[in-house]
C-alpha atoms as a PDB file:
ATOM      1  CA  MET A   1     -14.607 -22.237  25.289  1.00  0.00           C
ATOM      2  CA  THR A   2     -15.320 -19.782  22.484  1.00  0.00           C
ATOM      3  CA  LYS A   3     -12.864 -20.122  19.629  1.00  0.00           C
ATOM      4  CA  LYS A   4     -10.752 -17.032  19.097  1.00  0.00           C
ATOM      5  CA  VAL A   5     -11.438 -15.211  15.826  1.00  0.00           C
ATOM      6  CA  GLU A   6      -8.263 -14.572  13.819  1.00  0.00           C
ATOM      7  CA  TYR A   7      -9.187 -11.336  12.077  1.00  0.00           C
ATOM      8  CA  GLY A   8      -5.773 -11.067  10.432  1.00  0.00           C
ATOM      9  CA  ASN A   9      -6.475 -14.304   8.553  1.00  0.00           C
ATOM     10  CA  ILE A  10      -9.992 -13.169   7.646  1.00  0.00           C
ATOM     11  CA  ILE A  11      -8.596  -9.958   6.157  1.00  0.00           C
ATOM     12  CA  SER A  12      -5.862 -11.801   4.230  1.00  0.00           C
ATOM     13  CA  ASP A  13      -8.298 -14.337   2.767  1.00  0.00           C
ATOM     14  CA  TYR A  14     -10.729 -11.606   1.741  1.00  0.00           C
ATOM     15  CA  LEU A  15      -8.058  -9.503   0.038  1.00  0.00           C
ATOM     16  CA  ASP A  16      -6.634 -12.529  -1.783  1.00  0.00           C
ATOM     17  CA  SER A  17     -10.073 -13.168  -3.283  1.00  0.00           C
ATOM     18  CA  LYS A  18     -10.238  -9.601  -4.690  1.00  0.00           C
ATOM     19  CA  LYS A  19      -6.680  -9.218  -5.919  1.00  0.00           C
ATOM     20  CA  TYR A  20      -5.590  -8.422  -9.476  1.00  0.00           C
ATOM     21  CA  GLU A  21      -2.666 -10.515 -10.632  1.00  0.00           C
ATOM     22  CA  PRO A  22       0.157  -8.517 -12.259  1.00  0.00           C
ATOM     23  CA  THR A  23       1.522  -9.458 -15.664  1.00  0.00           C
ATOM     24  CA  LEU A  24       5.168  -9.161 -14.585  1.00  0.00           C
ATOM     25  CA  ILE A  25       7.024  -8.478 -11.323  1.00  0.00           C
ATOM     26  CA  PHE A  26      10.545  -7.111 -10.848  1.00  0.00           C
ATOM     27  CA  ASN A  27      12.164  -7.412  -7.416  1.00  0.00           C
ATOM     28  CA  ASN A  28      15.322  -5.352  -7.104  1.00  0.00           C
ATOM     29  CA  PRO A  29      18.287  -7.278  -5.637  1.00  0.00           C
ATOM     30  CA  TYR A  30      20.094  -5.910  -2.614  1.00  0.00           C
ATOM     31  CA  GLY A  31      23.661  -4.685  -2.286  1.00  0.00           C
ATOM     32  CA  ASN A  32      26.053  -4.734  -5.197  1.00  0.00           C
ATOM     33  CA  ASN A  33      23.545  -6.565  -7.408  1.00  0.00           C
ATOM     34  CA  LYS A  34      21.041  -3.710  -7.252  1.00  0.00           C
ATOM     35  CA  LYS A  35      19.741  -2.566 -10.648  1.00  0.00           C
ATOM     36  CA  PHE A  36      18.945   0.949 -11.843  1.00  0.00           C
ATOM     37  CA  ASN A  37      17.349   0.203 -15.221  1.00  0.00           C
ATOM     38  CA  ILE A  38      15.201  -2.619 -16.560  1.00  0.00           C
ATOM     39  CA  ARG A  39      12.805  -3.507 -19.327  1.00  0.00           C
ATOM     40  CA  LEU A  40       9.445  -4.741 -18.078  1.00  0.00           C
ATOM     41  CA  GLY A  41       7.259  -5.891 -20.929  1.00  0.00           C
ATOM     42  CA  ASP A  42       7.396  -3.109 -23.523  1.00  0.00           C
ATOM     43  CA  ASN A  43       8.415  -0.519 -20.952  1.00  0.00           C
ATOM     44  CA  GLU A  44      11.918   0.836 -20.421  1.00  0.00           C
ATOM     45  CA  ILE A  45      12.360   2.036 -16.846  1.00  0.00           C
ATOM     46  CA  LYS A  46      15.361   3.810 -15.301  1.00  0.00           C
ATOM     47  CA  TRP A  47      15.840   5.433 -11.908  1.00  0.00           C
ATOM     48  CA  SER A  48      18.461   7.330  -9.958  1.00  0.00           C
ATOM     49  CA  GLU A  49      18.795   9.238  -6.707  1.00  0.00           C
ATOM     50  CA  LYS A  50      18.752  13.005  -7.051  1.00  0.00           C
ATOM     51  CA  GLU A  51      19.101  15.687  -4.392  1.00  0.00           C
ATOM     52  CA  ASN A  52      16.300  15.016  -1.890  1.00  0.00           C
ATOM     53  CA  ALA A  53      14.386  12.968  -4.450  1.00  0.00           C
ATOM     54  CA  LEU A  54      14.145   9.859  -6.579  1.00  0.00           C
ATOM     55  CA  GLU A  55      13.937  10.342 -10.344  1.00  0.00           C
ATOM     56  CA  ILE A  56      12.249   7.651 -12.423  1.00  0.00           C
ATOM     57  CA  ILE A  57      12.201   7.672 -16.227  1.00  0.00           C
ATOM     58  CA  ILE A  58       9.443   5.597 -17.829  1.00  0.00           C
ATOM     59  CA  ASN A  59       9.622   5.274 -21.614  1.00  0.00           C
ATOM     60  CA  GLY A  60      11.393   8.632 -21.744  1.00  0.00           C
ATOM     61  CA  THR A  61       9.010  10.447 -19.375  1.00  0.00           C
ATOM     62  CA  LYS A  62      10.651  11.768 -16.196  1.00  0.00           C
ATOM     63  CA  ILE A  63       8.906  11.783 -12.857  1.00  0.00           C
ATOM     64  CA  ASN A  64      10.457  13.103  -9.665  1.00  0.00           C
ATOM     65  CA  THR A  65       9.394  12.509  -6.072  1.00  0.00           C
ATOM     66  CA  SER A  66      10.515  15.971  -4.940  1.00  0.00           C
ATOM     67  CA  LYS A  67       7.616  17.837  -3.287  1.00  0.00           C
ATOM     68  CA  LYS A  68       5.284  14.850  -3.782  1.00  0.00           C
ATOM     69  CA  VAL A  69       3.167  13.775  -0.804  1.00  0.00           C
ATOM     70  CA  THR A  70       1.054  10.742  -0.032  1.00  0.00           C
ATOM     71  CA  LEU A  71      -2.691  10.702  -0.628  1.00  0.00           C
ATOM     72  CA  ASN A  72      -3.226   8.825   2.626  1.00  0.00           C
ATOM     73  CA  TYR A  73      -2.093   9.176   6.210  1.00  0.00           C
ATOM     74  CA  ASN A  74       0.590   6.574   6.779  1.00  0.00           C
ATOM     75  CA  TRP A  75       1.005   7.176  10.529  1.00  0.00           C
ATOM     76  CA  GLY A  76      -1.719   8.758  12.639  1.00  0.00           C
ATOM     77  CA  LYS A  77      -3.128  11.882  11.012  1.00  0.00           C
ATOM     78  CA  SER A  78      -0.079  12.777   8.919  1.00  0.00           C
ATOM     79  CA  ILE A  79       0.541  12.619   5.206  1.00  0.00           C
ATOM     80  CA  ASP A  80       4.179  12.027   4.305  1.00  0.00           C
ATOM     81  CA  SER A  81       6.681  13.552   1.922  1.00  0.00           C
ATOM     82  CA  VAL A  82       7.789  11.036  -0.696  1.00  0.00           C
ATOM     83  CA  ASN A  83      11.192  12.663  -1.172  1.00  0.00           C
ATOM     84  CA  PHE A  84      12.419  10.451   1.699  1.00  0.00           C
ATOM     85  CA  ALA A  85      12.572   7.593  -0.846  1.00  0.00           C
ATOM     86  CA  ASN A  86      15.783   6.977  -2.796  1.00  0.00           C
ATOM     87  CA  ASN A  87      15.422   3.376  -3.976  1.00  0.00           C
ATOM     88  CA  VAL A  88      13.119   1.276  -6.173  1.00  0.00           C
ATOM     89  CA  ARG A  89      12.432  -1.978  -4.358  1.00  0.00           C
ATOM     90  CA  GLN A  90       9.771  -3.533  -6.583  1.00  0.00           C
ATOM     91  CA  ILE A  91       7.897  -2.853  -9.835  1.00  0.00           C
ATOM     92  CA  LYS A  92       4.715  -4.559 -11.014  1.00  0.00           C
ATOM     93  CA  LEU A  93       3.272  -4.317 -14.511  1.00  0.00           C
ATOM     94  CA  TYR A  94      -0.489  -4.651 -14.997  1.00  0.00           C
ATOM     95  CA  GLU A  95      -0.367  -4.784 -18.776  1.00  0.00           C
ATOM     96  CA  SER A  96      -4.081  -5.033 -19.611  1.00  0.00           C
ATOM     97  CA  ASP A  97      -4.789  -2.009 -17.395  1.00  0.00           C
ATOM     98  CA  SER A  98      -1.740   0.005 -18.561  1.00  0.00           C
ATOM     99  CA  LEU A  99      -0.512   0.465 -14.991  1.00  0.00           C
ATOM    100  CA  LEU A 100       2.867   0.259 -13.290  1.00  0.00           C
ATOM    101  CA  GLY A 101       3.114  -0.110  -9.521  1.00  0.00           C
ATOM    102  CA  PHE A 102       6.303   0.821  -7.661  1.00  0.00           C
ATOM    103  CA  VAL A 103       7.367   0.121  -4.088  1.00  0.00           C
ATOM    104  CA  ILE A 104       9.988   2.732  -3.204  1.00  0.00           C
ATOM    105  CA  THR A 105      12.063   2.891  -0.030  1.00  0.00           C
ATOM    106  CA  ASN A 106      14.991   4.608   1.644  1.00  0.00           C
ATOM    107  CA  GLU A 107      18.263   2.655   1.674  1.00  0.00           C
ATOM    108  CA  PRO A 108      20.339   2.215   3.682  1.00  0.00           C
ATOM    109  CA  CYS A 109      17.751   2.810   6.375  1.00  0.00           C
ATOM    110  CA  THR A 110      18.086   3.395  10.099  1.00  0.00           C
ATOM    111  CA  GLY A 111      15.615   3.280  12.986  1.00  0.00           C
ATOM    112  CA  LEU A 112      11.992   4.047  12.216  1.00  0.00           C
ATOM    113  CA  GLY A 113      12.903   4.762   8.585  1.00  0.00           C
ATOM    114  CA  CYS A 114      13.252   1.013   8.014  1.00  0.00           C
ATOM    115  CA  SER A 115       9.491   0.647   8.554  1.00  0.00           C
ATOM    116  CA  VAL A 116       8.552   3.294   5.963  1.00  0.00           C
ATOM    117  CA  ASN A 117       7.811   2.681   2.289  1.00  0.00           C
ATOM    118  CA  TYR A 118       5.786   4.281  -0.482  1.00  0.00           C
ATOM    119  CA  GLN A 119       3.665   3.019  -3.353  1.00  0.00           C
ATOM    120  CA  LEU A 120       3.562   4.844  -6.677  1.00  0.00           C
ATOM    121  CA  ILE A 121       0.868   3.882  -9.190  1.00  0.00           C
ATOM    122  CA  TYR A 122       1.687   5.200 -12.662  1.00  0.00           C
ATOM    123  CA  ASP A 123      -0.869   5.203 -15.467  1.00  0.00           C
ATOM    124  CA  LEU A 124       0.941   4.574 -18.750  1.00  0.00           C
ATOM    125  CA  LYS A 125      -1.819   6.180 -20.842  1.00  0.00           C
ATOM    126  CA  SER A 126      -2.425   9.414 -18.942  1.00  0.00           C
ATOM    127  CA  LYS A 127       1.032   9.512 -17.270  1.00  0.00           C
ATOM    128  CA  SER A 128      -0.669  10.342 -13.981  1.00  0.00           C
ATOM    129  CA  GLU A 129       0.988   9.566 -10.645  1.00  0.00           C
ATOM    130  CA  SER A 130      -0.665   8.507  -7.378  1.00  0.00           C
ATOM    131  CA  TYR A 131       1.420   8.170  -4.215  1.00  0.00           C
ATOM    132  CA  PHE A 132       0.627   6.282  -1.017  1.00  0.00           C
ATOM    133  CA  GLY A 133       2.655   5.641   2.127  1.00  0.00           C
ATOM    134  CA  ARG A 134       2.995   2.981   4.798  1.00  0.00           C
ATOM    135  CA  PHE A 135       4.549   2.686   8.218  1.00  0.00           C
ATOM    136  CA  ARG A 136       4.813  -0.704   9.955  1.00  0.00           C
ATOM    137  CA  THR A 137       2.103  -2.174   7.722  1.00  0.00           C
ATOM    138  CA  GLY A 138       4.066  -4.192   5.165  1.00  0.00           C
ATOM    139  CA  PHE A 139       5.865  -3.523   1.899  1.00  0.00           C
ATOM    140  CA  GLU A 140       3.514  -5.053  -0.653  1.00  0.00           C
ATOM    141  CA  LEU A 141       1.694  -3.262  -3.484  1.00  0.00           C
ATOM    142  CA  GLU A 142      -1.545  -4.842  -4.650  1.00  0.00           C
ATOM    143  CA  LEU A 143      -4.444  -3.749  -6.845  1.00  0.00           C
ATOM    144  CA  TYR A 144      -7.995  -5.006  -6.346  1.00  0.00           C
ATOM    145  CA  ASP A 145     -11.518  -5.166  -7.733  1.00  0.00           C
ATOM    146  CA  PHE A 146     -13.754  -4.716  -4.708  1.00  0.00           C
ATOM    147  CA  ASN A 147     -17.100  -3.827  -6.236  1.00  0.00           C
ATOM    148  CA  HIS A 148     -17.065  -4.984  -9.877  1.00  0.00           C
ATOM    149  CA  ASP A 149     -17.501  -1.487 -11.298  1.00  0.00           C
ATOM    150  CA  SER A 150     -14.709  -1.707 -13.939  1.00  0.00           C
ATOM    151  CA  ARG A 151     -12.526   0.611 -11.817  1.00  0.00           C
ATOM    152  CA  ILE A 152      -9.192  -0.540 -10.402  1.00  0.00           C
ATOM    153  CA  ASP A 153      -9.000  -0.254  -6.614  1.00  0.00           C
ATOM    154  CA  PHE A 154      -6.149   0.307  -4.169  1.00  0.00           C
ATOM    155  CA  LEU A 155      -6.222  -0.203  -0.407  1.00  0.00           C
ATOM    156  CA  SER A 156      -4.224   2.231   1.713  1.00  0.00           C
ATOM    157  CA  LYS A 157      -3.049   1.379   5.223  1.00  0.00           C
ATOM    158  CA  THR A 158      -2.733   3.831   8.105  1.00  0.00           C
ATOM    159  CA  PHE A 159      -0.953   2.839  11.316  1.00  0.00           C
ATOM    160  CA  TYR A 160      -2.374   4.594  14.373  1.00  0.00           C
ATOM    161  CA  GLY A 161       0.388   3.612  16.736  1.00  0.00           C
ATOM    162  CA  ARG A 162       0.537   1.639  19.930  1.00  0.00           C
ATOM    163  CA  ASN A 163      -1.432   2.715  22.985  1.00  0.00           C
ATOM    164  CA  VAL A 164      -0.435   2.295  26.636  1.00  0.00           C
ATOM    165  CA  GLU A 165      -1.915  -1.211  26.627  1.00  0.00           C
ATOM    166  CA  MET A 166       0.330  -2.178  23.682  1.00  0.00           C
ATOM    167  CA  ILE A 167      -2.619  -2.336  21.281  1.00  0.00           C
ATOM    168  CA  ASP A 168      -2.034  -1.482  17.606  1.00  0.00           C
ATOM    169  CA  THR A 169      -4.631  -0.195  15.142  1.00  0.00           C
ATOM    170  CA  THR A 170      -4.395  -0.308  11.348  1.00  0.00           C
ATOM    171  CA  GLU A 171      -7.041   1.354   9.176  1.00  0.00           C
ATOM    172  CA  PHE A 172      -7.629   0.277   5.570  1.00  0.00           C
ATOM    173  CA  ILE A 173      -9.193   2.806   3.166  1.00  0.00           C
ATOM    174  CA  MET A 174     -10.424   2.169  -0.379  1.00  0.00           C
ATOM    175  CA  TYR A 175      -9.219   4.243  -3.335  1.00  0.00           C
ATOM    176  CA  SER A 176     -10.343   3.844  -6.956  1.00  0.00           C
ATOM    177  CA  GLN A 177      -8.937   4.927 -10.303  1.00  0.00           C
ATOM    178  CA  THR A 178     -10.642   7.862 -11.996  1.00  0.00           C
ATOM    179  CA  LYS A 179     -11.198   8.389 -15.721  1.00  0.00           C
ATOM    180  CA  LYS A 180      -8.115  10.646 -15.668  1.00  0.00           C
ATOM    181  CA  GLY A 181      -5.945   7.735 -14.539  1.00  0.00           C
ATOM    182  CA  ASN A 182      -5.196   8.933 -11.018  1.00  0.00           C
ATOM    183  CA  PHE A 183      -6.562   7.424  -7.800  1.00  0.00           C
ATOM    184  CA  GLU A 184      -8.890   9.037  -5.270  1.00  0.00           C
ATOM    185  CA  GLU A 185     -10.884   7.924  -2.239  1.00  0.00           C
ATOM    186  CA  PHE A 186     -13.893   5.892  -3.321  1.00  0.00           C
ATOM    187  CA  ARG A 187     -17.204   7.544  -2.437  1.00  0.00           C
ATOM    188  CA  THR A 188     -20.880   7.111  -3.182  1.00  0.00           C
ATOM    189  CA  GLU A 189     -23.874   9.392  -2.674  1.00  0.00           C
ATOM    190  CA  GLU A 190     -24.686   7.433   0.473  1.00  0.00           C
ATOM    191  CA  GLN A 191     -21.206   7.088   1.958  1.00  0.00           C
ATOM    192  CA  ASN A 192     -18.079   9.280   1.901  1.00  0.00           C
ATOM    193  CA  ARG A 193     -15.490   6.734   2.981  1.00  0.00           C
ATOM    194  CA  PHE A 194     -15.173   2.960   2.809  1.00  0.00           C
ATOM    195  CA  THR A 195     -12.898   1.599   5.490  1.00  0.00           C
ATOM    196  CA  PHE A 196     -12.206  -1.180   7.962  1.00  0.00           C
ATOM    197  CA  LYS A 197      -9.973  -1.321  11.037  1.00  0.00           C
ATOM    198  CA  HIS A 198      -7.930  -4.140  12.526  1.00  0.00           C
ATOM    199  CA  ILE A 199      -7.210  -3.644  16.232  1.00  0.00           C
ATOM    200  CA  TYR A 200      -4.718  -6.134  17.607  1.00  0.00           C
ATOM    201  CA  PRO A 201      -2.406  -6.590  20.616  1.00  0.00           C
ATOM    202  CA  GLN A 202       1.349  -6.852  20.487  1.00  0.00           C
ATOM    203  CA  VAL A 203       2.495 -10.290  21.634  1.00  0.00           C
ATOM    204  CA  TYR A 204       5.608 -10.719  23.747  1.00  0.00           C
ATOM    205  CA  PRO A 205       6.882 -13.520  26.043  1.00  0.00           C
ATOM    206  CA  GLU A 206       5.343 -12.175  29.262  1.00  0.00           C
ATOM    207  CA  ARG A 207       1.898 -11.916  27.698  1.00  0.00           C
ATOM    208  CA  ASP A 208      -0.680 -14.696  27.395  1.00  0.00           C
ATOM    209  CA  LYS A 209      -1.436 -14.698  23.672  1.00  0.00           C
ATOM    210  CA  ASP A 210      -4.683 -16.674  24.019  1.00  0.00           C
ATOM    211  CA  SER A 211      -6.139 -14.118  26.432  1.00  0.00           C
ATOM    212  CA  LEU A 212      -5.668 -11.231  24.006  1.00  0.00           C
ATOM    213  CA  MET A 213      -8.672 -10.438  21.854  1.00  0.00           C
ATOM    214  CA  GLU A 214      -8.446  -8.810  18.450  1.00  0.00           C
ATOM    215  CA  LYS A 215     -11.140  -6.442  17.218  1.00  0.00           C
ATOM    216  CA  PHE A 216     -12.457  -5.707  13.757  1.00  0.00           C
ATOM    217  CA  GLU A 217     -14.562  -2.710  12.698  1.00  0.00           C
ATOM    218  CA  GLU A 218     -15.905  -2.366   9.180  1.00  0.00           C
ATOM    219  CA  ASN A 219     -17.741   0.290   7.205  1.00  0.00           C
ATOM    220  CA  TRP A 220     -17.277  -1.403   3.868  1.00  0.00           C
ATOM    221  CA  ILE A 221     -19.038  -2.142   0.598  1.00  0.00           C
ATOM    222  CA  GLU A 222     -19.854  -5.683   1.722  1.00  0.00           C
ATOM    223  CA  LYS A 223     -19.575  -7.845   4.818  1.00  0.00           C
ATOM    224  CA  ILE A 224     -16.009  -9.072   5.420  1.00  0.00           C
ATOM    225  CA  ASN A 225     -16.394 -10.658   8.848  1.00  0.00           C
ATOM    226  CA  ASN A 226     -19.082 -13.325   8.659  1.00  0.00           C
ATOM    227  CA  ASN A 227     -18.296 -14.904  12.025  1.00  0.00           C
ATOM    228  CA  GLY A 228     -20.912 -12.927  13.908  1.00  0.00           C
ATOM    229  CA  ARG A 229     -18.262 -11.623  16.324  1.00  0.00           C
END
């Protein structure tokens, strides 16, 4: 019997091998212990909910999520408005690269809103902001070095929903930091987009898990799946 390929594990192992480790991480407590100002390294950071927006003050510089939208599609073919967020869930400091990464959410959440979160990457030197969104694809923020070109990379995730056969599709797209400090889709003269897709079935009690085959499609800078299947 052919051994089933676990593409989720292949993706996780590959990304772990490319990941940048942050200098410091702040995880905001829940409930009454929630914080609204911290010092992370040499950076003083405050935040508060404003009307239809989240205001963050970084070393005296104000940024506001009002009218900001995501660079990526987070669900299907739709960008998302970041003003849905009202809470800072996590902050990561990448000191040597002068970057702060924020995971921002809406709390208290209800329904589908509990599966939505946003990532803000803030360049401390240029004060540029880059926003990304996610739906049903996790709450982590990670930075990577995929092609050893001295540019910091970010991997967006787009959820394409569940079809009638209960099959989910998540697309991963590569973004890289520009000289101006912001992030944009990584391109070369030969290729406009670098992406891979994980296509996987939903598992529930009435379904035979072992009979369900995952799929993996890649159009990437290097080979991720080396299993030949």
